[in-house]
Amino acid sequence: MQDGVGDYERLVLYNQCCCPLSVSVRPDNL
């Protein structure tokens, strides 16, 4: 298991809630 992935997903969810603009910046590869 990779904790880094979970942390990244958590950061993405935070960005979606607080900073919707960050969603378009994050890579779609993940």
N, C-alpha and C. Protein backbone atom coordinates (compact mmCIF):
# COMPACT_ATOMS: atom_id res chain seq x y z
N MET A 1 0.85 -1.22 0.00
CA MET A 1 0.00 0.00 0.00
C MET A 1 0.88 1.26 0.00
N GLN A 2 0.41 2.26 -0.72
CA GLN A 2 1.17 3.50 -0.80
C GLN A 2 0.40 4.61 -0.09
N ASP A 3 0.94 5.07 1.03
CA ASP A 3 0.26 6.12 1.79
C ASP A 3 0.25 7.42 0.99
N GLY A 4 1.26 7.59 0.12
CA GLY A 4 1.36 8.82 -0.68
C GLY A 4 0.14 9.00 -1.56
N VAL A 5 -0.38 7.88 -2.09
CA VAL A 5 -1.56 7.96 -2.96
C VAL A 5 -2.76 8.44 -2.16
N GLY A 6 -2.93 7.91 -0.97
CA GLY A 6 -4.05 8.30 -0.12
C GLY A 6 -3.95 9.78 0.24
N ASP A 7 -2.72 10.23 0.53
CA ASP A 7 -2.53 11.64 0.87
C ASP A 7 -2.86 12.51 -0.33
N TYR A 8 -2.49 12.04 -1.53
CA TYR A 8 -2.76 12.82 -2.74
C TYR A 8 -4.26 12.92 -2.98
N GLU A 9 -4.95 11.80 -2.84
CA GLU A 9 -6.40 11.79 -3.04
C GLU A 9 -7.08 12.71 -2.03
N ARG A 10 -6.57 12.68 -0.81
CA ARG A 10 -7.14 13.53 0.24
C ARG A 10 -6.93 15.00 -0.11
N LEU A 11 -5.75 15.30 -0.66
CA LEU A 11 -5.44 16.67 -1.06
C LEU A 11 -6.35 17.09 -2.21
N VAL A 12 -6.61 16.17 -3.14
CA VAL A 12 -7.48 16.47 -4.28
C VAL A 12 -8.89 16.78 -3.79
N LEU A 13 -9.38 15.98 -2.85
CA LEU A 13 -10.73 16.20 -2.31
C LEU A 13 -10.79 17.55 -1.62
N TYR A 14 -9.72 17.90 -0.92
CA TYR A 14 -9.67 19.19 -0.23
C TYR A 14 -9.70 20.32 -1.26
N ASN A 15 -8.97 20.15 -2.35
CA ASN A 15 -8.92 21.17 -3.40
C ASN A 15 -10.28 21.31 -4.07
N GLN A 16 -10.98 20.19 -4.25
CA GLN A 16 -12.29 20.24 -4.90
C GLN A 16 -13.29 21.01 -4.03
N CYS A 17 -13.11 20.92 -2.71
CA CYS A 17 -14.05 21.58 -1.80
C CYS A 17 -13.70 23.06 -1.63
N CYS A 18 -12.41 23.34 -1.49
CA CYS A 18 -11.99 24.70 -1.17
C CYS A 18 -11.51 25.47 -2.40
N CYS A 19 -10.86 24.77 -3.32
CA CYS A 19 -10.29 25.44 -4.50
C CYS A 19 -10.66 24.67 -5.76
N PRO A 20 -11.88 24.84 -6.27
CA PRO A 20 -12.34 24.14 -7.48
C PRO A 20 -11.41 24.36 -8.66
N LEU A 21 -10.74 25.51 -8.70
CA LEU A 21 -9.85 25.82 -9.83
C LEU A 21 -8.67 24.86 -9.85
N SER A 22 -8.30 24.32 -8.70
CA SER A 22 -7.15 23.42 -8.62
C SER A 22 -7.45 22.09 -9.31
N VAL A 23 -8.73 21.78 -9.47
CA VAL A 23 -9.11 20.50 -10.07
C VAL A 23 -8.62 20.43 -11.50
N SER A 24 -8.69 21.55 -12.22
CA SER A 24 -8.27 21.56 -13.62
C SER A 24 -6.75 21.51 -13.73
N VAL A 25 -6.07 21.83 -12.62
CA VAL A 25 -4.60 21.87 -12.63
C VAL A 25 -4.02 20.49 -12.37
N ARG A 26 -4.73 19.68 -11.59
CA ARG A 26 -4.21 18.36 -11.23
C ARG A 26 -4.15 17.46 -12.46
N PRO A 27 -3.13 16.58 -12.53
CA PRO A 27 -2.97 15.68 -13.68
C PRO A 27 -4.09 14.65 -13.75
N ASP A 28 -4.61 14.41 -14.94
CA ASP A 28 -5.70 13.44 -15.11
C ASP A 28 -5.16 12.02 -15.17
N ASN A 29 -3.82 11.89 -15.27
CA ASN A 29 -3.22 10.55 -15.36
C ASN A 29 -3.51 9.74 -14.11
N LEU A 30 -3.56 10.41 -12.96
CA LEU A 30 -3.82 9.70 -11.71
C LEU A 30 -5.31 9.50 -11.56
